[in-house]
């Protein structure tokens, strides 16, 4: 299983939806709260090629994007393969 990292804030409904999808699949992930630690937002933006909205989701070294991108992978049947590596 690939490591999964999410950059989120606790007040973001899209962050909650992304975590809900991953939770439903039994996926463990690292949740980095960029509201609690603003310096991590700069890290997120570097890794996400300038994207500043949350969530920003990474599976292994792959930048998935946001919540809509994660759900699109699931609908296309490609999320499980990406998670498996």
PDB file of N, CA and C in Angstrom:
ATOM      1  N   UNK A   1       0.849  -1.183   0.000  1.00  0.00           N
ATOM      2  CA  UNK A   1       0.000   0.000   0.000  1.00  0.00           C
ATOM      3  C   UNK A   1       0.893   1.245   0.000  1.00  0.00           C
ATOM      4  N   UNK A   2       0.604   2.142  -0.915  1.00  0.00           N
ATOM      5  CA  UNK A   2       1.350   3.404  -1.017  1.00  0.00           C
ATOM      6  C   UNK A   2       1.025   4.298   0.183  1.00  0.00           C
ATOM      7  N   UNK A   3       1.986   5.090   0.659  1.00  0.00           N
ATOM      8  CA  UNK A   3       1.648   6.064   1.700  1.00  0.00           C
ATOM      9  C   UNK A   3       0.765   7.161   1.120  1.00  0.00           C
ATOM     10  N   UNK A   4      -0.210   7.589   1.901  1.00  0.00           N
ATOM     11  CA  UNK A   4      -1.149   8.622   1.465  1.00  0.00           C
ATOM     12  C   UNK A   4      -1.004   9.811   2.408  1.00  0.00           C
ATOM     13  N   UNK A   5      -0.863  11.001   1.822  1.00  0.00           N
ATOM     14  CA  UNK A   5      -0.740  12.237   2.596  1.00  0.00           C
ATOM     15  C   UNK A   5      -1.785  13.220   2.112  1.00  0.00           C
ATOM     16  N   UNK A   6      -2.496  13.809   3.066  1.00  0.00           N
ATOM     17  CA  UNK A   6      -3.475  14.844   2.756  1.00  0.00           C
ATOM     18  C   UNK A   6      -3.078  16.117   3.488  1.00  0.00           C
ATOM     19  N   UNK A   7      -3.109  17.228   2.778  1.00  0.00           N
ATOM     20  CA  UNK A   7      -2.969  18.546   3.381  1.00  0.00           C
ATOM     21  C   UNK A   7      -4.382  19.091   3.488  1.00  0.00           C
ATOM     22  N   UNK A   8      -4.821  19.403   4.717  1.00  0.00           N
ATOM     23  CA  UNK A   8      -6.219  19.752   4.953  1.00  0.00           C
ATOM     24  C   UNK A   8      -6.331  20.908   5.946  1.00  0.00           C
ATOM     25  N   UNK A   9      -7.584  21.323   6.155  1.00  0.00           N
ATOM     26  CA  UNK A   9      -7.952  22.155   7.301  1.00  0.00           C
ATOM     27  C   UNK A   9      -9.182  21.496   7.922  1.00  0.00           C
ATOM     28  N   UNK A  10      -9.401  21.724   9.211  1.00  0.00           N
ATOM     29  CA  UNK A  10     -10.532  21.069   9.874  1.00  0.00           C
ATOM     30  C   UNK A  10     -11.898  21.621   9.472  1.00  0.00           C
ATOM     31  N   UNK A  11     -11.931  22.785   8.829  1.00  0.00           N
ATOM     32  CA  UNK A  11     -13.217  23.398   8.482  1.00  0.00           C
ATOM     33  C   UNK A  11     -13.607  23.210   7.017  1.00  0.00           C
ATOM     34  N   UNK A  12     -12.826  22.447   6.286  1.00  0.00           N
ATOM     35  CA  UNK A  12     -13.030  22.283   4.841  1.00  0.00           C
ATOM     36  C   UNK A  12     -13.924  21.077   4.552  1.00  0.00           C
ATOM     37  N   UNK A  13     -15.109  21.297   3.961  1.00  0.00           N
ATOM     38  CA  UNK A  13     -15.986  20.161   3.665  1.00  0.00           C
ATOM     39  C   UNK A  13     -15.400  19.203   2.629  1.00  0.00           C
ATOM     40  N   UNK A  14     -14.582  19.711   1.720  1.00  0.00           N
ATOM     41  CA  UNK A  14     -13.959  18.839   0.718  1.00  0.00           C
ATOM     42  C   UNK A  14     -12.907  17.943   1.359  1.00  0.00           C
ATOM     43  N   UNK A  15     -12.223  18.473   2.367  1.00  0.00           N
ATOM     44  CA  UNK A  15     -11.249  17.668   3.115  1.00  0.00           C
ATOM     45  C   UNK A  15     -11.965  16.522   3.826  1.00  0.00           C
ATOM     46  N   UNK A  16     -13.080  16.844   4.443  1.00  0.00           N
ATOM     47  CA  UNK A  16     -13.866  15.833   5.156  1.00  0.00           C
ATOM     48  C   UNK A  16     -14.354  14.765   4.183  1.00  0.00           C
ATOM     49  N   UNK A  17     -14.815  15.175   3.003  1.00  0.00           N
ATOM     50  CA  UNK A  17     -15.299  14.213   2.005  1.00  0.00           C
ATOM     51  C   UNK A  17     -14.178  13.308   1.497  1.00  0.00           C
ATOM     52  N   UNK A  18     -12.995  13.878   1.295  1.00  0.00           N
ATOM     53  CA  UNK A  18     -11.857  13.075   0.831  1.00  0.00           C
ATOM     54  C   UNK A  18     -11.473  12.050   1.894  1.00  0.00           C
ATOM     55  N   UNK A  19     -11.432  12.485   3.156  1.00  0.00           N
ATOM     56  CA  UNK A  19     -11.089  11.564   4.241  1.00  0.00           C
ATOM     57  C   UNK A  19     -12.159  10.485   4.391  1.00  0.00           C
ATOM     58  N   UNK A  20     -13.415  10.852   4.189  1.00  0.00           N
ATOM     59  CA  UNK A  20     -14.509   9.881   4.286  1.00  0.00           C
ATOM     60  C   UNK A  20     -14.341   8.775   3.240  1.00  0.00           C
ATOM     61  N   UNK A  21     -13.976   9.149   2.008  1.00  0.00           N
ATOM     62  CA  UNK A  21     -13.762   8.150   0.958  1.00  0.00           C
ATOM     63  C   UNK A  21     -12.604   7.224   1.331  1.00  0.00           C
ATOM     64  N   UNK A  22     -11.497   7.798   1.772  1.00  0.00           N
ATOM     65  CA  UNK A  22     -10.343   6.982   2.147  1.00  0.00           C
ATOM     66  C   UNK A  22     -10.676   6.089   3.346  1.00  0.00           C
ATOM     67  N   UNK A  23     -11.392   6.639   4.323  1.00  0.00           N
ATOM     68  CA  UNK A  23     -11.797   5.849   5.489  1.00  0.00           C
ATOM     69  C   UNK A  23     -12.672   4.670   5.067  1.00  0.00           C
ATOM     70  N   UNK A  24     -13.573   4.894   4.123  1.00  0.00           N
ATOM     71  CA  UNK A  24     -14.481   3.832   3.678  1.00  0.00           C
ATOM     72  C   UNK A  24     -13.722   2.691   3.009  1.00  0.00           C
ATOM     73  N   UNK A  25     -12.539   3.006   2.489  1.00  0.00           N
ATOM     74  CA  UNK A  25     -11.707   1.995   1.839  1.00  0.00           C
ATOM     75  C   UNK A  25     -10.674   1.398   2.799  1.00  0.00           C
ATOM     76  N   UNK A  26     -10.691   1.861   4.056  1.00  0.00           N
ATOM     77  CA  UNK A  26      -9.742   1.358   5.042  1.00  0.00           C
ATOM     78  C   UNK A  26      -8.323   1.840   4.830  1.00  0.00           C
ATOM     79  N   UNK A  27      -8.171   2.975   4.169  1.00  0.00           N
ATOM     80  CA  UNK A  27      -6.850   3.514   3.855  1.00  0.00           C
ATOM     81  C   UNK A  27      -6.338   4.353   5.029  1.00  0.00           C
ATOM     82  N   UNK A  28      -5.129   4.054   5.466  1.00  0.00           N
ATOM     83  CA  UNK A  28      -4.472   4.890   6.474  1.00  0.00           C
ATOM     84  C   UNK A  28      -3.769   6.035   5.755  1.00  0.00           C
ATOM     85  N   UNK A  29      -3.797   7.202   6.375  1.00  0.00           N
ATOM     86  CA  UNK A  29      -3.184   8.370   5.736  1.00  0.00           C
ATOM     87  C   UNK A  29      -2.626   9.307   6.793  1.00  0.00           C
ATOM     88  N   UNK A  30      -1.712  10.142   6.342  1.00  0.00           N
ATOM     89  CA  UNK A  30      -1.168  11.214   7.171  1.00  0.00           C
ATOM     90  C   UNK A  30      -1.939  12.477   6.846  1.00  0.00           C
ATOM     91  N   UNK A  31      -2.521  13.082   7.864  1.00  0.00           N
ATOM     92  CA  UNK A  31      -3.327  14.291   7.703  1.00  0.00           C
ATOM     93  C   UNK A  31      -2.531  15.471   8.241  1.00  0.00           C
ATOM     94  N   UNK A  32      -2.145  16.385   7.361  1.00  0.00           N
ATOM     95  CA  UNK A  32      -1.372  17.561   7.752  1.00  0.00           C
ATOM     96  C   UNK A  32      -2.301  18.769   7.749  1.00  0.00           C
ATOM     97  N   UNK A  33      -2.542  19.322   8.922  1.00  0.00           N
ATOM     98  CA  UNK A  33      -3.450  20.455   9.101  1.00  0.00           C
ATOM     99  C   UNK A  33      -2.677  21.750   8.848  1.00  0.00           C
ATOM    100  N   UNK A  34      -2.916  22.361   7.678  1.00  0.00           N
ATOM    101  CA  UNK A  34      -2.178  23.575   7.321  1.00  0.00           C
ATOM    102  C   UNK A  34      -2.717  24.815   8.040  1.00  0.00           C
ATOM    103  N   UNK A  35      -3.867  24.683   8.692  1.00  0.00           N
ATOM    104  CA  UNK A  35      -4.375  25.794   9.499  1.00  0.00           C
ATOM    105  C   UNK A  35      -3.625  25.837  10.834  1.00  0.00           C
ATOM    106  N   UNK A  36      -3.370  24.668  11.410  1.00  0.00           N
ATOM    107  CA  UNK A  36      -2.657  24.597  12.680  1.00  0.00           C
ATOM    108  C   UNK A  36      -1.170  24.905  12.514  1.00  0.00           C
ATOM    109  N   UNK A  37      -0.624  24.576  11.345  1.00  0.00           N
ATOM    110  CA  UNK A  37       0.803  24.793  11.088  1.00  0.00           C
ATOM    111  C   UNK A  37       0.959  25.455   9.714  1.00  0.00           C
ATOM    112  N   UNK A  38       0.823  26.795   9.661  1.00  0.00           N
ATOM    113  CA  UNK A  38       0.850  27.507   8.387  1.00  0.00           C
ATOM    114  C   UNK A  38       2.107  27.277   7.548  1.00  0.00           C
ATOM    115  N   UNK A  39       3.231  26.947   8.189  1.00  0.00           N
ATOM    116  CA  UNK A  39       4.445  26.700   7.412  1.00  0.00           C
ATOM    117  C   UNK A  39       4.272  25.480   6.505  1.00  0.00           C
ATOM    118  N   UNK A  40       3.394  24.585   6.875  1.00  0.00           N
ATOM    119  CA  UNK A  40       3.163  23.393   6.059  1.00  0.00           C
ATOM    120  C   UNK A  40       2.396  23.740   4.771  1.00  0.00           C
ATOM    121  N   UNK A  41       1.669  24.875   4.777  1.00  0.00           N
ATOM    122  CA  UNK A  41       0.969  25.308   3.555  1.00  0.00           C
ATOM    123  C   UNK A  41       1.980  25.610   2.451  1.00  0.00           C
ATOM    124  N   UNK A  42       3.099  26.237   2.806  1.00  0.00           N
ATOM    125  CA  UNK A  42       4.143  26.523   1.817  1.00  0.00           C
ATOM    126  C   UNK A  42       4.720  25.221   1.259  1.00  0.00           C
ATOM    127  N   UNK A  43       4.931  24.261   2.138  1.00  0.00           N
ATOM    128  CA  UNK A  43       5.399  22.939   1.713  1.00  0.00           C
ATOM    129  C   UNK A  43       4.398  22.314   0.738  1.00  0.00           C
ATOM    130  N   UNK A  44       3.110  22.390   1.092  1.00  0.00           N
ATOM    131  CA  UNK A  44       2.054  21.847   0.238  1.00  0.00           C
ATOM    132  C   UNK A  44       2.077  22.512  -1.136  1.00  0.00           C
ATOM    133  N   UNK A  45       2.185  23.828  -1.151  1.00  0.00           N
ATOM    134  CA  UNK A  45       2.163  24.554  -2.422  1.00  0.00           C
ATOM    135  C   UNK A  45       3.352  24.185  -3.300  1.00  0.00           C
ATOM    136  N   UNK A  46       4.529  23.988  -2.703  1.00  0.00           N
ATOM    137  CA  UNK A  46       5.698  23.544  -3.476  1.00  0.00           C
ATOM    138  C   UNK A  46       5.436  22.176  -4.090  1.00  0.00           C
ATOM    139  N   UNK A  47       4.963  21.257  -3.269  1.00  0.00           N
ATOM    140  CA  UNK A  47       4.735  19.892  -3.741  1.00  0.00           C
ATOM    141  C   UNK A  47       3.587  19.818  -4.752  1.00  0.00           C
ATOM    142  N   UNK A  48       2.594  20.723  -4.607  1.00  0.00           N
ATOM    143  CA  UNK A  48       1.403  20.700  -5.463  1.00  0.00           C
ATOM    144  C   UNK A  48       1.515  21.687  -6.626  1.00  0.00           C
ATOM    145  N   UNK A  49       2.730  22.085  -6.956  1.00  0.00           N
ATOM    146  CA  UNK A  49       2.985  22.960  -8.110  1.00  0.00           C
ATOM    147  C   UNK A  49       2.173  24.252  -8.049  1.00  0.00           C
ATOM    148  N   UNK A  50       2.147  24.850  -6.842  1.00  0.00           N
ATOM    149  CA  UNK A  50       1.507  26.152  -6.680  1.00  0.00           C
ATOM    150  C   UNK A  50       0.049  26.110  -6.272  1.00  0.00           C
ATOM    151  N   UNK A  51      -0.569  24.954  -6.288  1.00  0.00           N
ATOM    152  CA  UNK A  51      -1.973  24.895  -5.865  1.00  0.00           C
ATOM    153  C   UNK A  51      -2.046  25.215  -4.380  1.00  0.00           C
ATOM    154  N   UNK A  52      -3.005  26.066  -4.016  1.00  0.00           N
ATOM    155  CA  UNK A  52      -3.070  26.548  -2.637  1.00  0.00           C
ATOM    156  C   UNK A  52      -4.340  26.146  -1.908  1.00  0.00           C
ATOM    157  N   UNK A  53      -5.271  25.513  -2.612  1.00  0.00           N
ATOM    158  CA  UNK A  53      -6.517  25.095  -1.974  1.00  0.00           C
ATOM    159  C   UNK A  53      -6.338  23.740  -1.302  1.00  0.00           C
ATOM    160  N   UNK A  54      -7.171  23.479  -0.322  1.00  0.00           N
ATOM    161  CA  UNK A  54      -7.168  22.176   0.338  1.00  0.00           C
ATOM    162  C   UNK A  54      -8.460  21.439  -0.019  1.00  0.00           C
ATOM    163  N   UNK A  55      -8.421  20.121  -0.013  1.00  0.00           N
ATOM    164  CA  UNK A  55      -7.259  19.299   0.271  1.00  0.00           C
ATOM    165  C   UNK A  55      -6.333  19.185  -0.934  1.00  0.00           C
ATOM    166  N   UNK A  56      -5.087  18.889  -0.659  1.00  0.00           N
ATOM    167  CA  UNK A  56      -4.141  18.437  -1.682  1.00  0.00           C
ATOM    168  C   UNK A  56      -3.742  17.036  -1.260  1.00  0.00           C
ATOM    169  N   UNK A  57      -3.898  16.100  -2.179  1.00  0.00           N
ATOM    170  CA  UNK A  57      -3.770  14.683  -1.858  1.00  0.00           C
ATOM    171  C   UNK A  57      -2.620  14.083  -2.653  1.00  0.00           C
ATOM    172  N   UNK A  58      -1.797  13.327  -1.942  1.00  0.00           N
ATOM    173  CA  UNK A  58      -0.659  12.641  -2.548  1.00  0.00           C
ATOM    174  C   UNK A  58      -0.744  11.162  -2.205  1.00  0.00           C
ATOM    175  N   UNK A  59      -0.594  10.329  -3.227  1.00  0.00           N
ATOM    176  CA  UNK A  59      -0.518   8.886  -3.030  1.00  0.00           C
ATOM    177  C   UNK A  59       0.861   8.471  -3.515  1.00  0.00           C
ATOM    178  N   UNK A  60       1.693   8.027  -2.581  1.00  0.00           N
ATOM    179  CA  UNK A  60       3.095   7.801  -2.917  1.00  0.00           C
ATOM    180  C   UNK A  60       3.685   9.121  -3.375  1.00  0.00           C
ATOM    181  N   UNK A  61       4.338   9.121  -4.504  1.00  0.00           N
ATOM    182  CA  UNK A  61       4.913  10.344  -5.068  1.00  0.00           C
ATOM    183  C   UNK A  61       3.963  11.034  -6.044  1.00  0.00           C
ATOM    184  N   UNK A  62       2.770  10.475  -6.238  1.00  0.00           N
ATOM    185  CA  UNK A  62       1.809  11.011  -7.201  1.00  0.00           C
ATOM    186  C   UNK A  62       0.933  12.078  -6.564  1.00  0.00           C
ATOM    187  N   UNK A  63       0.910  13.260  -7.169  1.00  0.00           N
ATOM    188  CA  UNK A  63       0.005  14.318  -6.728  1.00  0.00           C
ATOM    189  C   UNK A  63      -1.348  14.062  -7.380  1.00  0.00           C
ATOM    190  N   UNK A  64      -2.311  13.644  -6.578  1.00  0.00           N
ATOM    191  CA  UNK A  64      -3.656  13.339  -7.085  1.00  0.00           C
ATOM    192  C   UNK A  64      -4.410  14.627  -7.376  1.00  0.00           C
ATOM    193  N   UNK A  65      -4.258  15.609  -6.501  1.00  0.00           N
ATOM    194  CA  UNK A  65      -4.997  16.860  -6.629  1.00  0.00           C
ATOM    195  C   UNK A  65      -5.920  17.015  -5.439  1.00  0.00           C
ATOM    196  N   UNK A  66      -7.153  17.449  -5.704  1.00  0.00           N
ATOM    197  CA  UNK A  66      -8.106  17.699  -4.641  1.00  0.00           C
ATOM    198  C   UNK A  66      -9.144  16.599  -4.510  1.00  0.00           C
ATOM    199  N   UNK A  67     -10.186  16.912  -3.773  1.00  0.00           N
ATOM    200  CA  UNK A  67     -11.248  15.958  -3.485  1.00  0.00           C
ATOM    201  C   UNK A  67     -11.927  15.474  -4.765  1.00  0.00           C
ATOM    202  N   UNK A  68     -12.242  16.395  -5.660  1.00  0.00           N
ATOM    203  CA  UNK A  68     -12.903  16.008  -6.921  1.00  0.00           C
ATOM    204  C   UNK A  68     -12.024  15.059  -7.726  1.00  0.00           C
ATOM    205  N   UNK A  69     -10.728  15.299  -7.718  1.00  0.00           N
ATOM    206  CA  UNK A  69      -9.789  14.434  -8.441  1.00  0.00           C
ATOM    207  C   UNK A  69      -9.761  13.035  -7.820  1.00  0.00           C
ATOM    208  N   UNK A  70      -9.777  12.979  -6.490  1.00  0.00           N
ATOM    209  CA  UNK A  70      -9.780  11.693  -5.795  1.00  0.00           C
ATOM    210  C   UNK A  70     -11.042  10.900  -6.128  1.00  0.00           C
ATOM    211  N   UNK A  71     -12.192  11.564  -6.081  1.00  0.00           N
ATOM    212  CA  UNK A  71     -13.447  10.893  -6.402  1.00  0.00           C
ATOM    213  C   UNK A  71     -13.512  10.480  -7.878  1.00  0.00           C
ATOM    214  N   UNK A  72     -12.919  11.277  -8.751  1.00  0.00           N
ATOM    215  CA  UNK A  72     -12.888  10.920 -10.175  1.00  0.00           C
ATOM    216  C   UNK A  72     -12.080   9.639 -10.382  1.00  0.00           C
ATOM    217  N   UNK A  73     -10.955   9.496  -9.671  1.00  0.00           N
ATOM    218  CA  UNK A  73     -10.167   8.261  -9.756  1.00  0.00           C
ATOM    219  C   UNK A  73     -10.995   7.067  -9.289  1.00  0.00           C
ATOM    220  N   UNK A  74     -11.748   7.254  -8.212  1.00  0.00           N
ATOM    221  CA  UNK A  74     -12.588   6.177  -7.692  1.00  0.00           C
ATOM    222  C   UNK A  74     -13.662   5.793  -8.714  1.00  0.00           C
ATOM    223  N   UNK A  75     -14.330   6.794  -9.292  1.00  0.00           N
ATOM    224  CA  UNK A  75     -15.384   6.516 -10.299  1.00  0.00           C
ATOM    225  C   UNK A  75     -14.819   5.805 -11.525  1.00  0.00           C
ATOM    226  N   UNK A  76     -13.584   6.143 -11.879  1.00  0.00           N
ATOM    227  CA  UNK A  76     -12.948   5.533 -13.053  1.00  0.00           C
ATOM    228  C   UNK A  76     -12.372   4.147 -12.741  1.00  0.00           C
ATOM    229  N   UNK A  77     -12.436   3.740 -11.475  1.00  0.00           N
ATOM    230  CA  UNK A  77     -11.908   2.444 -11.099  1.00  0.00           C
ATOM    231  C   UNK A  77     -10.387   2.402 -11.028  1.00  0.00           C
ATOM    232  N   UNK A  78      -9.752   3.564 -10.878  1.00  0.00           N
ATOM    233  CA  UNK A  78      -8.293   3.626 -10.892  1.00  0.00           C
ATOM    234  C   UNK A  78      -7.676   3.888  -9.524  1.00  0.00           C
ATOM    235  N   UNK A  79      -8.511   4.200  -8.530  1.00  0.00           N
ATOM    236  CA  UNK A  79      -7.971   4.558  -7.218  1.00  0.00           C
ATOM    237  C   UNK A  79      -7.324   3.368  -6.525  1.00  0.00           C
ATOM    238  N   UNK A  80      -7.952   2.220  -6.543  1.00  0.00           N
ATOM    239  CA  UNK A  80      -7.407   1.051  -5.838  1.00  0.00           C
ATOM    240  C   UNK A  80      -6.026   0.676  -6.391  1.00  0.00           C
ATOM    241  N   UNK A  81      -5.864   0.729  -7.707  1.00  0.00           N
ATOM    242  CA  UNK A  81      -4.574   0.388  -8.314  1.00  0.00           C
ATOM    243  C   UNK A  81      -3.500   1.392  -7.901  1.00  0.00           C
ATOM    244  N   UNK A  82      -3.865   2.673  -7.847  1.00  0.00           N
ATOM    245  CA  UNK A  82      -2.905   3.693  -7.443  1.00  0.00           C
ATOM    246  C   UNK A  82      -2.509   3.493  -5.972  1.00  0.00           C
ATOM    247  N   UNK A  83      -3.479   3.184  -5.140  1.00  0.00           N
ATOM    248  CA  UNK A  83      -3.185   2.939  -3.729  1.00  0.00           C
ATOM    249  C   UNK A  83      -2.285   1.725  -3.538  1.00  0.00           C
ATOM    250  N   UNK A  84      -2.497   0.707  -4.364  1.00  0.00           N
ATOM    251  CA  UNK A  84      -1.731  -0.528  -4.236  1.00  0.00           C
ATOM    252  C   UNK A  84      -0.291  -0.332  -4.709  1.00  0.00           C
ATOM    253  N   UNK A  85      -0.108   0.641  -5.594  1.00  0.00           N
ATOM    254  CA  UNK A  85       1.236   0.918  -6.097  1.00  0.00           C
ATOM    255  C   UNK A  85       1.544   0.028  -7.240  1.00  0.00           C
TER     256      UNK A  85
END
